[in-house]
Protein backbone atom coordinates (compact mmCIF):
# COMPACT_ATOMS: atom_id res chain seq x y z
CA MET A 1 9.65 15.44 8.81
CA LYS A 2 10.77 11.33 10.73
CA THR A 3 7.37 9.49 10.40
CA ILE A 4 6.67 7.60 7.46
CA LEU A 5 3.88 6.11 6.45
CA PHE A 6 4.05 3.43 4.23
CA ASP A 7 1.59 1.75 1.66
CA LEU A 8 2.05 -2.36 1.82
CA ASP A 9 0.82 -4.07 -1.56
CA GLY A 10 3.41 -2.66 -4.36
CA THR A 11 5.36 -0.55 -2.35
CA LEU A 12 7.06 -2.35 0.00
CA ALA A 13 5.70 -6.18 -1.01
CA ASN A 14 5.67 -6.83 -4.05
CA THR A 15 2.07 -8.51 -3.98
CA ILE A 16 0.94 -7.21 -7.05
CA PRO A 17 1.33 -11.11 -9.22
CA LEU A 18 -0.57 -12.54 -6.21
CA ILE A 19 -3.54 -9.97 -6.05
CA VAL A 20 -3.60 -10.42 -9.61
CA ALA A 21 -4.00 -14.18 -9.55
CA SER A 22 -6.49 -14.13 -6.57
CA TYR A 23 -8.90 -11.83 -9.00
CA GLN A 24 -8.75 -14.30 -11.58
CA HIS A 25 -9.41 -16.98 -9.55
CA ALA A 26 -12.70 -15.84 -7.85
CA PHE A 27 -14.14 -14.30 -11.21
CA ARG A 28 -12.89 -17.56 -12.52
CA GLN A 29 -15.25 -19.72 -9.20
CA VAL A 30 -18.05 -17.42 -8.63
CA ARG A 31 -18.71 -15.69 -12.29
CA GLY A 32 -16.88 -18.00 -14.84
CA GLU A 33 -15.49 -15.08 -16.48
CA GLU A 34 -11.86 -14.54 -17.28
CA ILE A 35 -10.20 -11.13 -16.13
CA ASP A 36 -7.27 -9.55 -17.62
CA ASP A 37 -4.08 -8.10 -15.74
CA THR A 38 -5.34 -4.71 -16.04
CA ARG A 39 -8.73 -4.95 -14.93
CA ALA A 40 -7.87 -6.92 -11.95
CA ARG A 41 -4.68 -4.00 -11.16
CA ALA A 42 -6.84 -1.11 -11.51
CA TRP A 43 -8.81 -2.52 -8.23
CA ILE A 44 -5.43 -2.52 -6.64
CA GLY A 45 -5.30 -0.02 -3.61
CA ARG A 46 -8.76 -0.29 -2.51
CA PRO A 47 -11.05 -1.85 -0.07
CA LEU A 48 -11.17 -5.46 -1.24
CA LEU A 49 -15.15 -6.28 -0.08
CA ALA A 50 -15.89 -2.93 -1.54
CA ALA A 51 -14.35 -2.87 -4.86
CA LEU A 52 -15.93 -6.60 -5.68
CA LEU A 53 -19.47 -5.25 -4.18
CA GLU A 54 -19.04 -2.44 -6.58
CA GLU A 55 -18.69 -5.02 -9.35
CA ASP A 56 -21.03 -7.36 -8.48
CA PRO A 57 -23.17 -6.48 -6.04
CA GLU A 58 -25.14 -9.59 -6.03
CA ARG A 59 -22.52 -11.96 -5.83
CA GLY A 60 -19.40 -9.67 -4.11
CA HIS A 61 -19.28 -11.68 -0.71
CA ASP A 62 -18.82 -14.47 -2.70
CA LEU A 63 -16.24 -13.12 -4.80
CA ASP A 64 -14.38 -11.82 -1.45
CA ARG A 65 -14.84 -15.02 -0.03
CA THR A 66 -13.50 -16.63 -2.83
CA TYR A 67 -10.42 -14.26 -3.11
CA ARG A 68 -9.55 -14.35 0.66
CA GLU A 69 -9.18 -18.26 0.86
CA TRP A 70 -7.03 -18.68 -2.35
CA ASN A 71 -5.13 -15.48 -1.70
CA LEU A 72 -4.58 -16.86 1.76
CA ALA A 73 -3.09 -19.87 0.59
CA ASN A 74 -0.67 -18.68 -1.96
CA THR A 75 0.51 -16.12 -0.18
CA SER A 76 3.93 -18.40 0.39
CA ARG A 77 4.09 -19.44 -3.37
CA LEU A 78 3.57 -16.09 -5.11
CA ILE A 79 4.50 -13.53 -2.99
CA GLU A 80 7.60 -11.69 -4.63
CA ARG A 81 10.34 -9.40 -2.55
CA TYR A 82 11.32 -5.80 -3.90
CA ASP A 83 15.15 -5.88 -3.74
CA GLY A 84 16.39 -3.39 -1.18
CA VAL A 85 13.61 -2.68 0.76
CA PRO A 86 14.80 -4.27 3.93
CA GLU A 87 18.05 -2.42 3.70
CA MET A 88 16.31 0.49 3.01
CA LEU A 89 14.09 0.63 6.30
CA THR A 90 17.13 -0.67 8.16
CA THR A 91 19.00 2.52 6.81
CA LEU A 92 16.23 4.96 7.54
CA SER A 93 15.53 3.04 11.33
CA ALA A 94 19.42 4.14 12.03
CA ALA A 95 18.60 7.54 11.03
CA GLY A 96 16.12 8.12 13.11
CA ALA A 97 12.72 7.98 11.21
CA ARG A 98 9.40 6.72 12.46
CA MET A 99 8.04 4.17 10.52
CA HIS A 100 4.46 2.39 10.09
CA VAL A 101 2.58 1.24 7.75
CA VAL A 102 -1.11 1.67 6.66
CA THR A 103 -2.56 -0.88 3.91
CA SER A 104 -6.12 -1.41 2.82
CA LYS A 105 -5.18 -5.12 3.94
CA ARG A 106 -6.52 -6.65 6.82
CA ARG A 107 -4.43 -6.71 9.44
CA ASP A 108 -3.55 -10.34 10.18
CA THR A 109 -3.23 -10.53 6.10
CA ALA A 110 -0.72 -7.62 6.15
CA GLN A 111 1.24 -8.94 8.86
CA LEU A 112 1.98 -12.25 6.73
CA ALA A 113 2.79 -10.13 3.59
CA ILE A 114 5.49 -8.15 5.63
CA THR A 115 6.35 -11.52 7.18
CA ALA A 116 6.82 -13.22 4.12
CA VAL A 117 8.91 -10.64 2.36
CA GLY A 118 11.24 -10.20 5.46
CA ILE A 119 10.26 -7.26 7.04
CA GLU A 120 9.07 -8.42 10.05
CA GLY A 121 10.71 -6.18 12.96
CA LEU A 122 11.53 -3.75 10.84
CA ILE A 123 7.93 -1.86 10.51
CA GLU A 124 4.81 -2.20 11.93
CA VAL A 125 0.89 -1.59 10.79
CA ALA A 126 -0.71 1.44 12.20
CA GLY A 127 -3.40 1.45 9.95
CA ALA A 128 -5.05 -1.65 8.33
CA LEU A 129 -8.81 -2.09 7.02
CA GLU A 130 -10.70 -2.57 9.81
CA ASP A 131 -9.59 0.39 11.89
CA THR A 132 -11.92 2.58 9.52
CA THR A 133 -14.97 3.01 7.89
CA ALA A 134 -13.59 5.31 5.25
CA HIS A 135 -10.78 4.16 3.02
CA LYS A 136 -8.46 5.81 0.46
CA PRO A 137 -8.69 8.35 -1.32
CA ASP A 138 -10.35 8.73 1.39
CA PRO A 139 -7.67 10.41 4.16
CA GLU A 140 -9.31 9.31 7.48
CA PRO A 141 -6.83 5.95 6.82
CA LEU A 142 -3.95 7.95 7.45
CA LEU A 143 -5.38 10.29 9.84
CA THR A 144 -6.28 7.34 12.06
CA ALA A 145 -2.68 6.10 12.00
CA ALA A 146 -1.22 9.13 12.88
CA ARG A 147 -3.58 9.59 15.93
CA ARG A 148 -2.63 6.22 16.88
CA ILE A 149 0.83 6.47 16.96
CA GLY A 150 0.54 10.26 18.06
CA VAL A 151 1.94 12.66 15.63
CA ASP A 152 0.74 15.25 13.44
CA PRO A 153 0.08 14.58 10.12
CA VAL A 154 1.25 17.31 8.74
CA THR A 155 5.11 16.12 10.29
CA ALA A 156 4.55 13.01 8.03
CA ILE A 157 5.02 11.42 4.67
CA TYR A 158 3.00 8.90 2.58
CA VAL A 159 4.69 6.71 0.25
CA GLY A 160 2.68 4.64 -1.86
CA ASP A 161 2.11 2.85 -5.60
CA ALA A 162 -1.75 4.29 -6.39
CA THR A 163 -3.23 7.60 -7.09
CA VAL A 164 -5.46 6.47 -4.32
CA ASP A 165 -2.30 6.49 -1.93
CA VAL A 166 -1.29 10.23 -3.20
CA LEU A 167 -4.89 11.68 -3.12
CA ALA A 168 -5.39 9.76 0.73
CA ALA A 169 -2.17 12.26 1.33
CA LYS A 170 -2.76 15.30 0.45
CA ALA A 171 -6.13 15.08 1.57
CA ALA A 172 -4.89 14.46 5.25
CA GLY A 173 -2.29 16.77 4.86
CA MET A 174 0.72 14.91 4.91
CA GLY A 175 3.55 14.91 1.92
CA SER A 176 3.32 12.13 -0.18
CA ILE A 177 5.73 9.83 -2.63
CA ALA A 178 4.72 7.52 -5.57
CA VAL A 179 6.51 5.12 -6.27
CA THR A 180 6.66 3.35 -9.61
CA TRP A 181 7.13 0.08 -9.45
CA GLY A 182 3.94 -1.08 -7.94
CA ALA A 183 0.50 -1.28 -9.96
CA GLY A 184 0.34 2.89 -10.89
CA GLU A 185 0.78 3.83 -14.04
CA ARG A 186 3.70 6.45 -14.34
CA ALA A 187 1.27 9.42 -15.55
CA ALA A 188 -2.02 8.82 -13.65
CA LEU A 189 0.46 9.10 -10.30
CA GLU A 190 1.78 12.38 -12.25
CA ALA A 191 -1.78 13.53 -12.36
CA ALA A 192 -2.27 12.77 -9.13
CA GLY A 193 0.29 15.70 -8.09
CA PRO A 194 2.58 13.37 -5.03
CA ASP A 195 6.02 16.30 -3.71
CA ALA A 196 8.05 13.39 -5.68
CA ILE A 197 7.77 10.65 -7.52
CA VAL A 198 10.48 7.80 -7.59
CA ASP A 199 11.89 5.51 -9.28
CA THR A 200 13.80 2.95 -7.82
CA VAL A 201 14.21 1.92 -3.83
CA ASP A 202 17.80 3.46 -3.81
CA GLU A 203 16.50 6.87 -5.12
CA LEU A 204 13.14 6.18 -2.65
CA THR A 205 16.05 5.43 0.70
CA SER A 206 18.03 9.21 -0.60
CA TYR A 207 14.86 10.87 -0.93
CA LEU A 208 13.76 9.25 2.86
CA LEU A 209 16.58 10.29 4.19
CA ASP A 210 17.11 13.95 3.05
CA LEU A 211 13.70 14.22 5.33
CA VAL A 212 14.69 12.50 7.86
CA ALA A 213 18.36 15.24 8.09
CA GLY A 214 15.30 17.66 7.89
CA GLY A 215 14.94 18.42 4.22
CA SER A 216 12.19 19.89 2.53
CA ALA A 217 9.31 17.09 1.18
CA ASP A 218 9.05 19.27 -2.22
CA ALA A 219 9.84 17.88 -5.30
């Protein structure tokens, strides 16, 4: 298994503080409401506008616009790197892995995040928000990305930090790895039934190297 698809937020880039602060700013400005971190983190991994329209059908578009403006203006200030991620991608590439990002972000903001954490040139976006009308946990983003890069979904694996990532991978017929350093809670990730759960970037690197070398995706 040599094709590895990665989620971006909370998996390759620590955008969690930025996302939470962006939600809090939008709700404060548009609704005069303070939302706590737990509530904001629950929306991570879903398409932004859909989550906001579900929360507030009348003002969802205003929330979306306010969120995006503030998020863009504060990306370079608040985004954080996960130690070891550039090294992991370099190691996997040298081992022969094909690697791409499939994210619920728009392509331009995904590329901005990739550049901000220093992994530009190491990985490219194969699937972004604008590429499909259905989104995780629906498998369509993963299936569309697989078609775009010309691989059979059953030969790929998806790595993410949220239950929607695991569910989308399973529905697409892909292997799934859940990481615990992002937005997802371990108990919820376990309940989603990934092939493996890893706690560190080093552990993920070792697991993926085994897959690239021809090992099994089973936990």
